[in-house]
Protein backbone atom coordinates (compact mmCIF):
# COMPACT_ATOMS: atom_id res chain seq x y z
CA MET A 1 134.66 110.61 65.66
CA PRO A 2 131.12 108.54 65.18
CA ASP A 3 127.84 109.72 66.25
CA LEU A 4 126.36 107.54 69.07
CA GLN A 5 123.70 106.32 67.37
CA GLN A 6 126.43 105.73 64.55
CA GLN A 7 128.44 103.95 67.86
CA PHE A 8 126.23 101.61 69.52
CA GLY A 9 123.15 101.79 67.06
CA GLN A 10 119.80 100.37 68.86
CA ILE A 11 121.47 99.21 72.02
CA ASP A 12 118.67 98.34 75.02
CA ILE A 13 119.15 101.36 77.15
CA TYR A 14 120.06 99.28 79.89
CA VAL A 15 122.46 97.05 77.78
CA PHE A 16 123.90 100.25 77.38
CA ASP A 17 124.50 100.82 81.66
CA GLN A 18 125.55 96.91 81.77
CA LEU A 19 128.49 98.13 79.25
CA LEU A 20 128.99 100.95 81.64
CA ARG A 21 129.46 99.26 84.74
CA GLY A 22 131.86 96.95 83.35
CA ARG A 23 130.01 93.66 83.26
CA ILE A 24 130.13 93.15 79.74
CA ARG A 25 133.93 93.29 78.80
CA PRO A 26 135.97 92.73 75.77
CA GLY A 27 136.14 89.06 75.39
CA MET A 28 133.64 88.06 76.38
CA ARG A 29 131.72 85.76 74.16
CA ILE A 30 128.02 87.13 74.08
CA PHE A 31 125.00 84.70 73.10
CA ASP A 32 121.15 86.72 71.96
CA ALA A 33 118.57 84.48 72.79
CA GLY A 34 116.02 85.91 70.45
CA CYS A 35 118.20 88.37 68.88
CA GLY A 36 115.81 89.69 65.94
CA TYR A 37 117.47 91.64 64.43
CA GLY A 38 120.31 92.51 66.09
CA ARG A 39 119.33 95.96 68.11
CA ASN A 40 121.60 94.59 70.39
CA LEU A 41 124.51 93.48 68.49
CA ALA A 42 125.56 95.34 66.55
CA TYR A 43 128.09 97.37 69.22
CA PHE A 44 129.71 93.59 69.90
CA LEU A 45 129.96 92.61 66.26
CA ARG A 46 131.46 96.18 65.93
CA GLU A 47 133.49 95.38 68.19
CA GLY A 48 135.07 91.61 67.97
CA TYR A 49 133.02 90.23 70.64
CA GLU A 50 132.41 86.71 69.72
CA VAL A 51 128.49 86.91 69.13
CA PHE A 52 126.02 84.22 68.45
CA GLY A 53 122.49 83.40 68.40
CA VAL A 54 119.94 82.05 67.62
CA ASP A 55 115.80 83.42 66.86
CA GLU A 56 112.50 81.47 65.90
CA ASP A 57 112.55 84.07 62.57
CA PRO A 58 114.81 83.19 59.19
CA GLN A 59 114.23 86.64 57.65
CA ALA A 60 116.12 87.82 61.21
CA ILE A 61 118.56 85.87 60.78
CA GLU A 62 119.51 86.21 57.46
CA ALA A 63 119.39 90.26 58.72
CA VAL A 64 121.57 89.43 61.29
CA ARG A 65 124.09 87.02 59.26
CA GLN A 66 124.87 89.81 57.28
CA LEU A 67 125.88 92.68 59.56
CA SER A 68 128.99 89.59 60.93
CA ALA A 69 131.49 87.89 59.06
CA ALA A 70 130.95 85.08 60.49
CA ASP A 71 128.29 81.87 61.13
CA ASN A 72 127.00 82.23 64.45
CA PHE A 73 123.38 82.58 64.64
CA ARG A 74 120.93 79.69 63.62
CA ILE A 75 117.40 79.74 63.33
CA GLU A 76 115.47 78.20 66.44
CA ALA A 77 113.23 78.37 68.70
CA VAL A 78 114.81 79.83 72.64
CA GLU A 79 113.49 76.39 74.84
CA ALA A 80 115.13 73.80 72.13
CA MET A 81 119.00 75.86 71.41
CA SER A 82 121.28 73.25 70.46
CA PHE A 83 124.15 75.04 70.96
CA PRO A 84 126.21 73.63 74.03
CA ASP A 85 125.16 74.12 78.23
CA ALA A 86 127.51 77.14 79.42
CA PHE A 87 129.10 78.28 75.87
CA ALA A 88 128.22 81.97 76.70
CA ASP A 89 130.00 85.02 79.28
CA VAL A 90 126.88 87.42 78.67
CA VAL A 91 123.16 85.84 77.26
CA LEU A 92 120.67 88.54 76.72
CA SER A 93 117.38 88.33 76.68
CA SER A 94 115.65 90.82 75.70
CA ALA A 95 111.97 91.88 75.01
CA VAL A 96 111.51 88.07 75.25
CA LEU A 97 109.84 85.88 77.78
CA HIS A 98 106.94 87.21 77.63
CA PHE A 99 105.74 85.83 74.87
CA ALA A 100 105.41 82.52 75.76
CA ARG A 101 102.08 80.55 75.32
CA ASP A 102 101.33 79.34 79.30
CA ASP A 103 104.09 78.40 82.01
CA ASP A 104 105.20 75.97 80.82
CA GLN A 105 107.10 77.46 77.26
CA PHE A 106 108.14 80.20 79.73
CA GLU A 107 109.78 77.89 81.71
CA ALA A 108 111.61 76.37 78.55
CA MET A 109 112.86 79.02 77.07
CA LEU A 110 113.82 80.68 80.05
CA ARG A 111 115.62 77.21 81.22
CA GLY A 112 117.11 77.27 77.97
CA THR A 113 118.93 80.73 78.25
CA TRP A 114 119.86 79.98 81.28
CA ARG A 115 121.43 76.00 80.35
CA VAL A 116 123.96 78.22 77.64
CA LEU A 117 125.03 80.44 80.58
CA LYS A 118 128.73 79.50 81.82
CA PRO A 119 128.96 79.87 85.88
CA GLY A 120 129.97 82.72 86.96
CA GLY A 121 128.61 84.81 83.99
CA LEU A 122 125.88 87.32 83.35
CA PHE A 123 122.33 86.63 82.61
CA PHE A 124 120.43 89.83 81.32
CA CYS A 125 116.36 90.27 80.72
CA ARG A 126 114.59 92.26 79.80
CA LEU A 127 110.51 91.81 80.40
CA ALA A 128 106.61 93.00 80.14
CA SER A 129 105.84 92.45 83.92
CA SER A 130 102.40 93.91 86.10
CA ILE A 131 104.82 95.44 88.01
CA GLY A 132 103.27 99.18 88.14
CA ILE A 133 100.49 98.18 85.93
CA GLU A 134 98.70 96.04 88.38
CA SER A 135 95.36 97.33 87.82
CA GLN A 136 95.72 98.52 84.39
CA ILE A 137 95.82 94.74 83.32
CA LYS A 138 93.46 92.12 82.51
CA ARG A 139 93.81 88.48 82.54
CA ILE A 140 93.04 86.01 80.52
CA GLY A 141 94.76 83.19 81.41
CA PRO A 142 97.77 81.67 84.15
CA ARG A 143 99.59 85.07 84.07
CA ARG A 144 98.19 85.34 80.13
CA PHE A 145 97.89 89.63 80.97
CA LEU A 146 95.90 91.56 77.40
CA LEU A 147 97.54 95.67 78.62
CA PRO A 148 96.41 98.42 77.97
CA ASP A 149 97.68 99.21 74.95
CA GLY A 150 96.15 95.94 73.76
CA SER A 151 98.85 93.11 73.41
CA GLU A 152 98.43 90.01 74.88
CA ARG A 153 102.02 89.11 77.00
CA TYR A 154 102.80 86.70 79.74
CA LEU A 155 103.91 88.68 82.35
CA VAL A 156 105.79 88.06 85.22
CA ASP A 157 105.82 90.27 88.51
CA GLU A 158 108.66 90.59 91.69
CA ALA A 159 108.08 87.24 93.61
CA LEU A 160 109.04 85.55 90.91
CA LEU A 161 111.40 86.63 89.75
CA MET A 162 113.09 86.31 93.11
CA GLU A 163 111.22 82.95 92.92
CA ARG A 164 113.59 81.85 89.69
CA THR A 165 116.62 83.75 91.08
CA ARG A 166 116.39 81.06 93.31
CA GLU A 167 116.01 78.33 92.13
CA LEU A 168 118.65 78.59 89.48
CA GLY A 169 121.30 79.50 91.65
CA GLY A 170 121.59 83.01 90.07
CA ARG A 171 122.22 86.65 92.30
CA LEU A 172 120.68 89.45 91.43
CA VAL A 173 123.36 91.44 90.22
CA ASP A 174 121.06 94.89 90.30
CA PRO A 175 118.21 95.05 91.84
CA LEU A 176 114.95 94.76 89.84
CA LYS A 177 114.16 98.19 87.93
CA THR A 178 110.73 98.40 85.43
CA THR A 179 109.43 101.36 83.67
CA VAL A 180 106.10 102.14 83.73
CA VAL A 181 105.19 103.10 80.03
CA GLN A 182 102.45 105.66 80.36
CA ASN A 183 100.14 103.01 82.31
CA GLN A 184 100.79 101.43 78.77
CA ARG A 185 102.77 98.17 79.61
CA SER A 186 105.83 97.55 81.61
CA MET A 187 109.08 96.86 80.85
CA THR A 188 110.63 94.88 84.34
CA THR A 189 115.41 94.19 83.94
CA TRP A 190 116.38 91.82 85.34
CA ALA A 191 120.32 91.36 86.11
CA VAL A 192 121.65 87.39 87.06
CA GLN A 193 124.19 86.08 88.06
CA LYS A 194 124.71 82.45 87.16
CA ASP A 195 126.73 81.07 91.02
């Protein structure tokens, strides 16, 4: 019997939580918007899910293509994806949206990602936020901050995520969950069903 590492790979623990809750099930089409090297996809590919994704990094897409027999991965920006509307049952956006340059790019990335999600589908997003580290970050532009770990990120907060949930026509399937990583950065999990 394979160990957990062999079975699930480097899957994000919060994506794993959605599996445990039965929100991601066999037969669902999974789309990873900003898939990188496929950290969250190895399990789904091995288990026979129909998996698709985009990333701007050609090397990352080549690595993911090597994990999959299907050619379902494209070198594309999240805000300009060529996949059709209402394409996937589950859309993953893990550590992607906080790389937005500004409000306009964030909105384009978010709406592009939401667009490919089917009605009733699950949008799973993990992104940097200001939640819990408000006094430790330095504003360098609109929603752009210097974090204590030295990185610069586009940061969201609870009010923005709740507003976007309503505007997109979604509803939270879990309360927002935020992990403060030793006062260096803060990562929030945002899980929304598209109504």
